[in-house]
Amino acid sequence: MTSHIPAAKAPLLLKIFVLATMLLGFAVSPMASRAQDNPAPADAATAAPVTPDPNAVLAVVNGEAITEADLAFVQEDIGAQLQQVPPDEVRAVLLAQLINLKLMAKAGADLGLQDSDVFKKRVQYLTERAISRAYALQEVAAKVTDEAIQAEYDKVIGSAPDIEIHLLHILVTTEEDAKAIKAALDAGGDFAALAADKSIDPSAKQNGGDLGFVPYWQVVKPFADAAFALKDGETSGPVQSQFGWHIIRAIDRHPATKPTIGELAPQIGQRLYSETYQAVFDSLKSAATIEISDPALKAQVDAQLGQ
């Protein structure tokens, strides 16, 4: 998607498509192999990659087999570290990692390290992490289907206006502050000066609240609905979103080309994954008993778990 908003002017907090921090990277979701922008070859059957047999033996180390399934496990574990590895060397790197693992693990076992309390705690942690990932695959990633992505695209993009509006914006934490700013603007106050002085959007210090030309689908719905209801030159009253209270002014508008489903599918998928994950986690948390004795630490953890 091409945007008319310079990078320095686009406040990240207004982006509707955001990357989520998740226990399981979205790379393992159904969207990982998506290629909607690339047409299938004429002979798709012969061009399709062959799925390796998970039981196929790739190497034997001290009598212990290393299989394709083992290779898949280590790729999931260290996949982010492979970005700089040439594609034709990835399997060799993964196999070398597994051979290293087998040799070091055998040496450690010979010393009896597996019998220590610290080791048993680590095994418990790694087991719970693996089960958590499997649960996320089944209960979260599996729900981010092509149909769900298409439905979200139709809801957000399909019904959106085919225009972009040049917007100015001030963000504050309370409705009272927003009302005071609106009153100051109505009395002839300078929008850019007020934005630089009052807005909690960090970019306002540099751009005076100027967002440039913004399409409907690029900002959160309460903001978009208020902004696109304005006529050129009009200033909104206080508008609430999850980020705070907004004062918005429309300056100008022109036609905009909507992004295609192929262009936005990865971002939509990531956002749906994040939202689904949060809903699943919130449900589990609400049914759990969690006790933290240190009040200060509890407040910080509660803030983290609430994100």
C-alpha atoms as a PDB file:
ATOM      1  CA  MET A   1       0.000   0.000   0.000  1.00  0.00           C
ATOM      2  CA  THR A   2       1.318   3.365  -0.956  1.00  0.00           C
ATOM      3  CA  SER A   3       0.851   6.067   1.663  1.00  0.00           C
ATOM      4  CA  HIS A   4       1.124   9.801   1.267  1.00  0.00           C
ATOM      5  CA  ILE A   5       2.124  10.211   4.915  1.00  0.00           C
ATOM      6  CA  PRO A   6       5.861  10.838   5.370  1.00  0.00           C
ATOM      7  CA  ALA A   7       7.430   8.368   7.814  1.00  0.00           C
ATOM      8  CA  ALA A   8       8.296  11.139  10.242  1.00  0.00           C
ATOM      9  CA  LYS A   9       4.672  12.315  10.269  1.00  0.00           C
ATOM     10  CA  ALA A  10       2.874   9.020  10.767  1.00  0.00           C
ATOM     11  CA  PRO A  11       2.246   8.340  14.478  1.00  0.00           C
ATOM     12  CA  LEU A  12       2.516   4.608  14.974  1.00  0.00           C
ATOM     13  CA  LEU A  13      -0.227   4.617  17.592  1.00  0.00           C
ATOM     14  CA  LEU A  14      -2.798   5.410  14.907  1.00  0.00           C
ATOM     15  CA  LYS A  15      -1.916   2.518  12.632  1.00  0.00           C
ATOM     16  CA  ILE A  16      -4.741   0.017  12.482  1.00  0.00           C
ATOM     17  CA  PHE A  17      -2.449  -2.795  11.414  1.00  0.00           C
ATOM     18  CA  VAL A  18       0.091  -3.417  14.145  1.00  0.00           C
ATOM     19  CA  LEU A  19       2.487  -6.225  14.808  1.00  0.00           C
ATOM     20  CA  ALA A  20       1.798  -8.111  17.952  1.00  0.00           C
ATOM     21  CA  THR A  21       4.333  -9.569  20.347  1.00  0.00           C
ATOM     22  CA  MET A  22       3.295 -13.198  20.690  1.00  0.00           C
ATOM     23  CA  LEU A  23       4.562 -16.419  22.249  1.00  0.00           C
ATOM     24  CA  LEU A  24       4.321 -18.022  18.841  1.00  0.00           C
ATOM     25  CA  GLY A  25       5.588 -16.038  15.839  1.00  0.00           C
ATOM     26  CA  PHE A  26       3.035 -15.608  13.080  1.00  0.00           C
ATOM     27  CA  ALA A  27       5.482 -17.268  10.699  1.00  0.00           C
ATOM     28  CA  VAL A  28       4.066 -20.646  11.740  1.00  0.00           C
ATOM     29  CA  SER A  29       0.476 -19.621  11.000  1.00  0.00           C
ATOM     30  CA  PRO A  30      -1.443 -20.458   7.814  1.00  0.00           C
ATOM     31  CA  MET A  31      -0.368 -17.098   6.361  1.00  0.00           C
ATOM     32  CA  ALA A  32       3.303 -18.083   6.295  1.00  0.00           C
ATOM     33  CA  SER A  33       3.166 -19.686   2.848  1.00  0.00           C
ATOM     34  CA  ARG A  34       0.725 -17.208   1.345  1.00  0.00           C
ATOM     35  CA  ALA A  35       1.514 -15.991  -2.171  1.00  0.00           C
ATOM     36  CA  GLN A  36      -1.590 -14.275  -3.461  1.00  0.00           C
ATOM     37  CA  ASP A  37       0.340 -11.726  -5.475  1.00  0.00           C
ATOM     38  CA  ASN A  38       2.168 -14.455  -7.438  1.00  0.00           C
ATOM     39  CA  PRO A  39       0.047 -16.456  -9.890  1.00  0.00           C
ATOM     40  CA  ALA A  40       0.450 -20.221  -9.782  1.00  0.00           C
ATOM     41  CA  PRO A  41       2.558 -21.775 -12.570  1.00  0.00           C
ATOM     42  CA  ALA A  42       0.777 -23.512 -15.391  1.00  0.00           C
ATOM     43  CA  ASP A  43       1.754 -26.937 -14.051  1.00  0.00           C
ATOM     44  CA  ALA A  44       1.136 -26.361 -10.354  1.00  0.00           C
ATOM     45  CA  ALA A  45       1.255 -30.061  -9.570  1.00  0.00           C
ATOM     46  CA  THR A  46       4.844 -30.470 -10.725  1.00  0.00           C
ATOM     47  CA  ALA A  47       5.913 -27.109  -9.281  1.00  0.00           C
ATOM     48  CA  ALA A  48       4.499 -27.726  -5.787  1.00  0.00           C
ATOM     49  CA  PRO A  49       7.171 -28.422  -3.172  1.00  0.00           C
ATOM     50  CA  VAL A  50       7.407 -31.983  -1.934  1.00  0.00           C
ATOM     51  CA  THR A  51       6.633 -32.383   1.771  1.00  0.00           C
ATOM     52  CA  PRO A  52       9.488 -34.368   3.306  1.00  0.00           C
ATOM     53  CA  ASP A  53       8.793 -37.558   5.241  1.00  0.00           C
ATOM     54  CA  PRO A  54       9.140 -36.561   8.923  1.00  0.00           C
ATOM     55  CA  ASN A  55      10.588 -39.986   9.672  1.00  0.00           C
ATOM     56  CA  ALA A  56      13.295 -39.769   7.000  1.00  0.00           C
ATOM     57  CA  VAL A  57      16.733 -40.154   8.585  1.00  0.00           C
ATOM     58  CA  LEU A  58      19.228 -37.425   7.690  1.00  0.00           C
ATOM     59  CA  ALA A  59      22.129 -38.417   9.915  1.00  0.00           C
ATOM     60  CA  VAL A  60      23.073 -40.815  12.698  1.00  0.00           C
ATOM     61  CA  VAL A  61      25.152 -39.555  15.642  1.00  0.00           C
ATOM     62  CA  ASN A  62      26.559 -42.212  17.983  1.00  0.00           C
ATOM     63  CA  GLY A  63      23.794 -44.551  16.900  1.00  0.00           C
ATOM     64  CA  GLU A  64      20.989 -41.966  17.347  1.00  0.00           C
ATOM     65  CA  ALA A  65      19.026 -40.922  14.279  1.00  0.00           C
ATOM     66  CA  ILE A  66      18.319 -37.326  13.280  1.00  0.00           C
ATOM     67  CA  THR A  67      15.134 -37.106  11.205  1.00  0.00           C
ATOM     68  CA  GLU A  68      13.308 -34.531   9.102  1.00  0.00           C
ATOM     69  CA  ALA A  69      10.986 -34.004  12.079  1.00  0.00           C
ATOM     70  CA  ASP A  70      13.979 -33.070  14.226  1.00  0.00           C
ATOM     71  CA  LEU A  71      15.063 -30.618  11.547  1.00  0.00           C
ATOM     72  CA  ALA A  72      11.601 -29.002  11.573  1.00  0.00           C
ATOM     73  CA  PHE A  73      11.730 -28.604  15.354  1.00  0.00           C
ATOM     74  CA  VAL A  74      15.062 -26.816  15.353  1.00  0.00           C
ATOM     75  CA  GLN A  75      13.978 -24.620  12.435  1.00  0.00           C
ATOM     76  CA  GLU A  76      10.948 -23.469  14.449  1.00  0.00           C
ATOM     77  CA  ASP A  77      13.200 -22.843  17.443  1.00  0.00           C
ATOM     78  CA  ILE A  78      15.917 -20.792  15.724  1.00  0.00           C
ATOM     79  CA  GLY A  79      14.122 -19.671  12.576  1.00  0.00           C
ATOM     80  CA  ALA A  80      14.625 -15.965  13.294  1.00  0.00           C
ATOM     81  CA  GLN A  81      18.396 -16.511  13.305  1.00  0.00           C
ATOM     82  CA  LEU A  82      18.388 -17.948   9.782  1.00  0.00           C
ATOM     83  CA  GLN A  83      17.446 -14.791   7.899  1.00  0.00           C
ATOM     84  CA  GLN A  84      21.020 -14.115   6.806  1.00  0.00           C
ATOM     85  CA  VAL A  85      21.716 -17.736   5.818  1.00  0.00           C
ATOM     86  CA  PRO A  86      21.617 -18.449   2.053  1.00  0.00           C
ATOM     87  CA  PRO A  87      18.524 -20.573   1.313  1.00  0.00           C
ATOM     88  CA  ASP A  88      20.555 -23.441  -0.119  1.00  0.00           C
ATOM     89  CA  GLU A  89      22.550 -23.674   3.135  1.00  0.00           C
ATOM     90  CA  VAL A  90      19.672 -23.595   5.632  1.00  0.00           C
ATOM     91  CA  ARG A  91      19.290 -27.365   5.910  1.00  0.00           C
ATOM     92  CA  ALA A  92      23.012 -27.802   6.446  1.00  0.00           C
ATOM     93  CA  VAL A  93      22.988 -25.159   9.193  1.00  0.00           C
ATOM     94  CA  LEU A  94      20.031 -26.840  10.892  1.00  0.00           C
ATOM     95  CA  LEU A  95      21.583 -30.287  10.690  1.00  0.00           C
ATOM     96  CA  ALA A  96      24.880 -28.965  12.025  1.00  0.00           C
ATOM     97  CA  GLN A  97      22.960 -27.413  14.920  1.00  0.00           C
ATOM     98  CA  LEU A  98      21.325 -30.761  15.688  1.00  0.00           C
ATOM     99  CA  ILE A  99      24.631 -32.635  15.541  1.00  0.00           C
ATOM    100  CA  ASN A 100      26.111 -30.072  17.943  1.00  0.00           C
ATOM    101  CA  LEU A 101      23.081 -30.556  20.184  1.00  0.00           C
ATOM    102  CA  LYS A 102      23.364 -34.335  20.190  1.00  0.00           C
ATOM    103  CA  LEU A 103      27.084 -34.324  20.997  1.00  0.00           C
ATOM    104  CA  MET A 104      26.807 -31.759  23.794  1.00  0.00           C
ATOM    105  CA  ALA A 105      23.699 -33.391  25.259  1.00  0.00           C
ATOM    106  CA  LYS A 106      25.402 -36.802  25.332  1.00  0.00           C
ATOM    107  CA  ALA A 107      28.425 -35.323  27.065  1.00  0.00           C
ATOM    108  CA  GLY A 108      26.214 -33.605  29.632  1.00  0.00           C
ATOM    109  CA  ALA A 109      24.188 -36.767  30.241  1.00  0.00           C
ATOM    110  CA  ASP A 110      27.385 -38.709  30.840  1.00  0.00           C
ATOM    111  CA  LEU A 111      28.104 -36.243  33.669  1.00  0.00           C
ATOM    112  CA  GLY A 112      24.640 -36.768  35.146  1.00  0.00           C
ATOM    113  CA  LEU A 113      23.506 -33.171  34.589  1.00  0.00           C
ATOM    114  CA  GLN A 114      19.969 -34.355  33.887  1.00  0.00           C
ATOM    115  CA  ASP A 115      19.602 -35.348  37.548  1.00  0.00           C
ATOM    116  CA  SER A 116      20.048 -31.837  38.956  1.00  0.00           C
ATOM    117  CA  ASP A 117      17.124 -29.776  40.269  1.00  0.00           C
ATOM    118  CA  VAL A 118      18.031 -26.906  37.957  1.00  0.00           C
ATOM    119  CA  PHE A 119      17.872 -29.217  34.945  1.00  0.00           C
ATOM    120  CA  LYS A 120      14.475 -30.562  35.981  1.00  0.00           C
ATOM    121  CA  LYS A 121      13.153 -27.015  36.297  1.00  0.00           C
ATOM    122  CA  ARG A 122      14.447 -26.225  32.830  1.00  0.00           C
ATOM    123  CA  VAL A 123      12.782 -29.332  31.402  1.00  0.00           C
ATOM    124  CA  GLN A 124       9.505 -28.260  33.021  1.00  0.00           C
ATOM    125  CA  TYR A 125       9.801 -24.785  31.483  1.00  0.00           C
ATOM    126  CA  LEU A 126      10.639 -26.099  28.007  1.00  0.00           C
ATOM    127  CA  THR A 127       7.822 -28.655  28.187  1.00  0.00           C
ATOM    128  CA  GLU A 128       5.287 -25.998  29.151  1.00  0.00           C
ATOM    129  CA  ARG A 129       6.563 -23.718  26.396  1.00  0.00           C
ATOM    130  CA  ALA A 130       6.172 -26.472  23.794  1.00  0.00           C
ATOM    131  CA  ILE A 131       2.635 -27.273  24.998  1.00  0.00           C
ATOM    132  CA  SER A 132       1.798 -23.548  24.981  1.00  0.00           C
ATOM    133  CA  ARG A 133       2.946 -23.250  21.385  1.00  0.00           C
ATOM    134  CA  ALA A 134       0.934 -26.292  20.346  1.00  0.00           C
ATOM    135  CA  TYR A 135      -2.129 -24.845  22.074  1.00  0.00           C
ATOM    136  CA  ALA A 136      -1.636 -21.505  20.306  1.00  0.00           C
ATOM    137  CA  LEU A 137      -1.441 -23.291  16.965  1.00  0.00           C
ATOM    138  CA  GLN A 138      -4.683 -25.153  17.625  1.00  0.00           C
ATOM    139  CA  GLU A 139      -6.718 -22.476  19.356  1.00  0.00           C
ATOM    140  CA  VAL A 140      -5.362 -19.278  17.753  1.00  0.00           C
ATOM    141  CA  ALA A 141      -3.471 -19.716  14.484  1.00  0.00           C
ATOM    142  CA  ALA A 142      -5.963 -22.258  13.141  1.00  0.00           C
ATOM    143  CA  LYS A 143      -8.709 -19.635  13.433  1.00  0.00           C
ATOM    144  CA  VAL A 144      -6.834 -17.139  11.226  1.00  0.00           C
ATOM    145  CA  THR A 145      -8.214 -18.594   8.014  1.00  0.00           C
ATOM    146  CA  ASP A 146      -8.379 -17.186   4.495  1.00  0.00           C
ATOM    147  CA  GLU A 147     -12.114 -16.713   5.034  1.00  0.00           C
ATOM    148  CA  ALA A 148     -11.560 -14.746   8.256  1.00  0.00           C
ATOM    149  CA  ILE A 149      -8.978 -12.541   6.555  1.00  0.00           C
ATOM    150  CA  GLN A 150     -11.273 -11.917   3.578  1.00  0.00           C
ATOM    151  CA  ALA A 151     -14.174 -11.019   5.889  1.00  0.00           C
ATOM    152  CA  GLU A 152     -11.997  -8.546   7.807  1.00  0.00           C
ATOM    153  CA  TYR A 153     -10.750  -7.011   4.569  1.00  0.00           C
ATOM    154  CA  ASP A 154     -14.325  -6.589   3.303  1.00  0.00           C
ATOM    155  CA  LYS A 155     -15.370  -4.980   6.601  1.00  0.00           C
ATOM    156  CA  VAL A 156     -12.452  -2.570   6.904  1.00  0.00           C
ATOM    157  CA  ILE A 157     -11.467  -1.854   3.293  1.00  0.00           C
ATOM    158  CA  GLY A 158     -14.372  -2.881   1.092  1.00  0.00           C
ATOM    159  CA  SER A 159     -16.827  -0.411   2.635  1.00  0.00           C
ATOM    160  CA  ALA A 160     -14.282   2.379   3.183  1.00  0.00           C
ATOM    161  CA  PRO A 161     -14.496   5.685   1.255  1.00  0.00           C
ATOM    162  CA  ASP A 162     -12.284   5.942  -1.834  1.00  0.00           C
ATOM    163  CA  ILE A 163     -10.643   9.141  -0.600  1.00  0.00           C
ATOM    164  CA  GLU A 164      -7.787  10.362   1.550  1.00  0.00           C
ATOM    165  CA  ILE A 165      -8.141  13.380   3.811  1.00  0.00           C
ATOM    166  CA  HIS A 166      -5.377  15.747   4.884  1.00  0.00           C
ATOM    167  CA  LEU A 167      -5.743  15.738   8.682  1.00  0.00           C
ATOM    168  CA  LEU A 168      -4.376  17.640  11.650  1.00  0.00           C
ATOM    169  CA  HIS A 169      -4.555  15.949  15.035  1.00  0.00           C
ATOM    170  CA  ILE A 170      -4.040  16.566  18.758  1.00  0.00           C
ATOM    171  CA  LEU A 171      -4.086  13.645  21.219  1.00  0.00           C
ATOM    172  CA  VAL A 172      -4.540  14.068  24.986  1.00  0.00           C
ATOM    173  CA  THR A 173      -5.315  11.749  27.894  1.00  0.00           C
ATOM    174  CA  THR A 174      -8.599  13.206  29.216  1.00  0.00           C
ATOM    175  CA  GLU A 175     -11.845  14.532  27.800  1.00  0.00           C
ATOM    176  CA  GLU A 176     -11.429  17.710  29.866  1.00  0.00           C
ATOM    177  CA  ASP A 177      -8.097  18.431  28.180  1.00  0.00           C
ATOM    178  CA  ALA A 178      -9.647  17.793  24.764  1.00  0.00           C
ATOM    179  CA  LYS A 179     -12.528  20.178  25.505  1.00  0.00           C
ATOM    180  CA  ALA A 180     -10.080  22.865  26.632  1.00  0.00           C
ATOM    181  CA  ILE A 181      -8.074  22.494  23.419  1.00  0.00           C
ATOM    182  CA  LYS A 182     -11.230  22.656  21.295  1.00  0.00           C
ATOM    183  CA  ALA A 183     -12.233  25.864  23.096  1.00  0.00           C
ATOM    184  CA  ALA A 184      -8.796  27.342  22.477  1.00  0.00           C
ATOM    185  CA  LEU A 185      -9.030  26.497  18.780  1.00  0.00           C
ATOM    186  CA  ASP A 186     -12.527  27.963  18.528  1.00  0.00           C
ATOM    187  CA  ALA A 187     -11.103  31.163  20.050  1.00  0.00           C
ATOM    188  CA  GLY A 188      -8.508  31.376  17.264  1.00  0.00           C
ATOM    189  CA  GLY A 189      -5.672  29.313  18.748  1.00  0.00           C
ATOM    190  CA  ASP A 190      -2.964  28.015  16.432  1.00  0.00           C
ATOM    191  CA  PHE A 191      -3.447  24.296  15.802  1.00  0.00           C
ATOM    192  CA  ALA A 192       0.230  23.482  15.211  1.00  0.00           C
ATOM    193  CA  ALA A 193       1.346  25.351  18.322  1.00  0.00           C
ATOM    194  CA  LEU A 194      -1.262  23.655  20.495  1.00  0.00           C
ATOM    195  CA  ALA A 195      -0.377  20.248  19.062  1.00  0.00           C
ATOM    196  CA  ALA A 196       3.334  20.752  19.713  1.00  0.00           C
ATOM    197  CA  ASP A 197       2.609  21.904  23.254  1.00  0.00           C
ATOM    198  CA  LYS A 198      -0.257  19.663  24.352  1.00  0.00           C
ATOM    199  CA  SER A 199      -0.359  16.490  22.239  1.00  0.00           C
ATOM    200  CA  ILE A 200       0.954  13.253  23.773  1.00  0.00           C
ATOM    201  CA  ASP A 201       1.650  11.939  20.275  1.00  0.00           C
ATOM    202  CA  PRO A 202       5.478  12.193  20.134  1.00  0.00           C
ATOM    203  CA  SER A 203       5.462  13.142  16.440  1.00  0.00           C
ATOM    204  CA  ALA A 204       3.449  16.307  17.180  1.00  0.00           C
ATOM    205  CA  LYS A 205       6.563  18.055  18.488  1.00  0.00           C
ATOM    206  CA  GLN A 206       8.035  17.895  14.990  1.00  0.00           C
ATOM    207  CA  ASN A 207       4.994  18.066  12.724  1.00  0.00           C
ATOM    208  CA  GLY A 208       2.518  20.176  14.709  1.00  0.00           C
ATOM    209  CA  GLY A 209      -0.063  17.411  14.512  1.00  0.00           C
ATOM    210  CA  ASP A 210      -0.007  17.255  10.705  1.00  0.00           C
ATOM    211  CA  LEU A 211      -0.734  13.663   9.635  1.00  0.00           C
ATOM    212  CA  GLY A 212      -0.695  14.369   5.910  1.00  0.00           C
ATOM    213  CA  PHE A 213      -3.220  12.593   3.681  1.00  0.00           C
ATOM    214  CA  VAL A 214      -4.797   9.686   5.557  1.00  0.00           C
ATOM    215  CA  PRO A 215      -7.034   6.934   4.085  1.00  0.00           C
ATOM    216  CA  TYR A 216      -9.941   5.677   6.169  1.00  0.00           C
ATOM    217  CA  TRP A 217      -8.463   2.205   6.643  1.00  0.00           C
ATOM    218  CA  GLN A 218      -5.147   3.399   8.053  1.00  0.00           C
ATOM    219  CA  VAL A 219      -6.493   4.636  11.391  1.00  0.00           C
ATOM    220  CA  VAL A 220      -8.609   3.163  14.179  1.00  0.00           C
ATOM    221  CA  LYS A 221     -12.362   3.201  13.567  1.00  0.00           C
ATOM    222  CA  PRO A 222     -13.491   5.888  16.090  1.00  0.00           C
ATOM    223  CA  PHE A 223     -10.858   8.262  14.698  1.00  0.00           C
ATOM    224  CA  ALA A 224     -11.702   7.378  11.078  1.00  0.00           C
ATOM    225  CA  ASP A 225     -15.451   7.783  11.542  1.00  0.00           C
ATOM    226  CA  ALA A 226     -15.014  11.227  13.140  1.00  0.00           C
ATOM    227  CA  ALA A 227     -12.398  12.427  10.659  1.00  0.00           C
ATOM    228  CA  PHE A 228     -14.317  11.378   7.550  1.00  0.00           C
ATOM    229  CA  ALA A 229     -17.500  13.019   8.814  1.00  0.00           C
ATOM    230  CA  LEU A 230     -15.744  16.421   8.774  1.00  0.00           C
ATOM    231  CA  LYS A 231     -15.947  18.916   5.946  1.00  0.00           C
ATOM    232  CA  ASP A 232     -12.767  20.632   4.816  1.00  0.00           C
ATOM    233  CA  GLY A 233     -11.825  23.264   7.362  1.00  0.00           C
ATOM    234  CA  GLU A 234     -13.946  21.741  10.149  1.00  0.00           C
ATOM    235  CA  THR A 235     -12.581  20.712  13.561  1.00  0.00           C
ATOM    236  CA  SER A 236     -14.067  17.860  15.550  1.00  0.00           C
ATOM    237  CA  GLY A 237     -15.077  17.867  19.174  1.00  0.00           C
ATOM    238  CA  PRO A 238     -13.392  15.363  21.531  1.00  0.00           C
ATOM    239  CA  VAL A 239     -13.199  11.878  20.001  1.00  0.00           C
ATOM    240  CA  GLN A 240     -12.273   8.903  22.169  1.00  0.00           C
ATOM    241  CA  SER A 241     -10.278   5.878  21.042  1.00  0.00           C
ATOM    242  CA  GLN A 242      -8.184   3.321  22.902  1.00  0.00           C
ATOM    243  CA  PHE A 243      -5.281   5.777  22.697  1.00  0.00           C
ATOM    244  CA  GLY A 244      -6.960   8.718  24.431  1.00  0.00           C
ATOM    245  CA  TRP A 245      -8.953  11.758  23.305  1.00  0.00           C
ATOM    246  CA  HIS A 246      -8.488  13.285  19.855  1.00  0.00           C
ATOM    247  CA  ILE A 247      -9.179  16.682  18.326  1.00  0.00           C
ATOM    248  CA  ILE A 248      -9.149  16.385  14.518  1.00  0.00           C
ATOM    249  CA  ARG A 249      -9.200  18.984  11.750  1.00  0.00           C
ATOM    250  CA  ALA A 250      -9.827  18.207   8.059  1.00  0.00           C
ATOM    251  CA  ILE A 251      -7.868  20.327   5.555  1.00  0.00           C
ATOM    252  CA  ASP A 252      -8.294  18.834   2.087  1.00  0.00           C
ATOM    253  CA  ARG A 253      -9.172  15.567   0.338  1.00  0.00           C
ATOM    254  CA  HIS A 254      -8.499  13.681  -2.875  1.00  0.00           C
ATOM    255  CA  PRO A 255      -9.274  10.238  -4.383  1.00  0.00           C
ATOM    256  CA  ALA A 256      -7.423   7.209  -3.035  1.00  0.00           C
ATOM    257  CA  THR A 257      -6.794   3.737  -4.439  1.00  0.00           C
ATOM    258  CA  LYS A 258      -7.688   0.969  -2.033  1.00  0.00           C
ATOM    259  CA  PRO A 259      -5.048  -1.690  -1.313  1.00  0.00           C
ATOM    260  CA  THR A 260      -5.879  -5.207  -2.515  1.00  0.00           C
ATOM    261  CA  ILE A 261      -6.482  -8.229  -0.304  1.00  0.00           C
ATOM    262  CA  GLY A 262      -3.175  -9.606  -1.564  1.00  0.00           C
ATOM    263  CA  GLU A 263      -1.329  -6.528  -0.307  1.00  0.00           C
ATOM    264  CA  LEU A 264      -2.960  -6.501   3.121  1.00  0.00           C
ATOM    265  CA  ALA A 265      -3.482 -10.197   3.871  1.00  0.00           C
ATOM    266  CA  PRO A 266      -0.275 -10.586   5.934  1.00  0.00           C
ATOM    267  CA  GLN A 267      -1.006  -7.497   8.067  1.00  0.00           C
ATOM    268  CA  ILE A 268      -4.648  -8.479   8.563  1.00  0.00           C
ATOM    269  CA  GLY A 269      -3.597 -11.996   9.487  1.00  0.00           C
ATOM    270  CA  GLN A 270      -1.107 -10.714  12.033  1.00  0.00           C
ATOM    271  CA  ARG A 271      -3.709  -8.437  13.595  1.00  0.00           C
ATOM    272  CA  LEU A 272      -6.350 -11.180  13.737  1.00  0.00           C
ATOM    273  CA  TYR A 273      -3.803 -13.494  15.336  1.00  0.00           C
ATOM    274  CA  SER A 274      -2.979 -10.880  17.960  1.00  0.00           C
ATOM    275  CA  GLU A 275      -6.632 -10.172  18.738  1.00  0.00           C
ATOM    276  CA  THR A 276      -7.536 -13.873  18.893  1.00  0.00           C
ATOM    277  CA  TYR A 277      -4.525 -14.645  21.059  1.00  0.00           C
ATOM    278  CA  GLN A 278      -5.433 -11.850  23.469  1.00  0.00           C
ATOM    279  CA  ALA A 279      -9.036 -13.055  23.715  1.00  0.00           C
ATOM    280  CA  VAL A 280      -7.946 -16.630  24.432  1.00  0.00           C
ATOM    281  CA  PHE A 281      -5.398 -15.493  26.999  1.00  0.00           C
ATOM    282  CA  ASP A 282      -7.883 -13.155  28.719  1.00  0.00           C
ATOM    283  CA  SER A 283     -10.358 -16.017  29.032  1.00  0.00           C
ATOM    284  CA  LEU A 284      -7.722 -18.261  30.618  1.00  0.00           C
ATOM    285  CA  LYS A 285      -6.551 -15.483  32.918  1.00  0.00           C
ATOM    286  CA  SER A 286     -10.053 -14.644  34.138  1.00  0.00           C
ATOM    287  CA  ALA A 287     -10.584 -18.277  35.168  1.00  0.00           C
ATOM    288  CA  ALA A 288      -7.206 -18.558  36.930  1.00  0.00           C
ATOM    289  CA  THR A 289      -6.030 -17.729  40.444  1.00  0.00           C
ATOM    290  CA  ILE A 290      -2.854 -15.637  40.279  1.00  0.00           C
ATOM    291  CA  GLU A 291      -1.178 -14.481  43.485  1.00  0.00           C
ATOM    292  CA  ILE A 292       1.793 -12.079  43.627  1.00  0.00           C
ATOM    293  CA  SER A 293       2.889 -11.028  47.113  1.00  0.00           C
ATOM    294  CA  ASP A 294       4.883  -7.898  46.180  1.00  0.00           C
ATOM    295  CA  PRO A 295       2.292  -5.117  45.507  1.00  0.00           C
ATOM    296  CA  ALA A 296       4.612  -3.083  43.284  1.00  0.00           C
ATOM    297  CA  LEU A 297       5.574  -6.120  41.232  1.00  0.00           C
ATOM    298  CA  LYS A 298       1.920  -7.176  41.014  1.00  0.00           C
ATOM    299  CA  ALA A 299       0.953  -3.779  39.593  1.00  0.00           C
ATOM    300  CA  GLN A 300       3.657  -4.028  36.945  1.00  0.00           C
ATOM    301  CA  VAL A 301       2.719  -7.596  36.022  1.00  0.00           C
ATOM    302  CA  ASP A 302      -0.972  -6.703  35.843  1.00  0.00           C
ATOM    303  CA  ALA A 303      -0.074  -3.902  33.450  1.00  0.00           C
ATOM    304  CA  GLN A 304       1.933  -6.321  31.291  1.00  0.00           C
ATOM    305  CA  LEU A 305      -0.752  -9.014  31.246  1.00  0.00           C
ATOM    306  CA  GLY A 306      -3.350  -6.430  30.338  1.00  0.00           C
ATOM    307  CA  GLN A 307      -1.551  -5.463  27.122  1.00  0.00           C
END
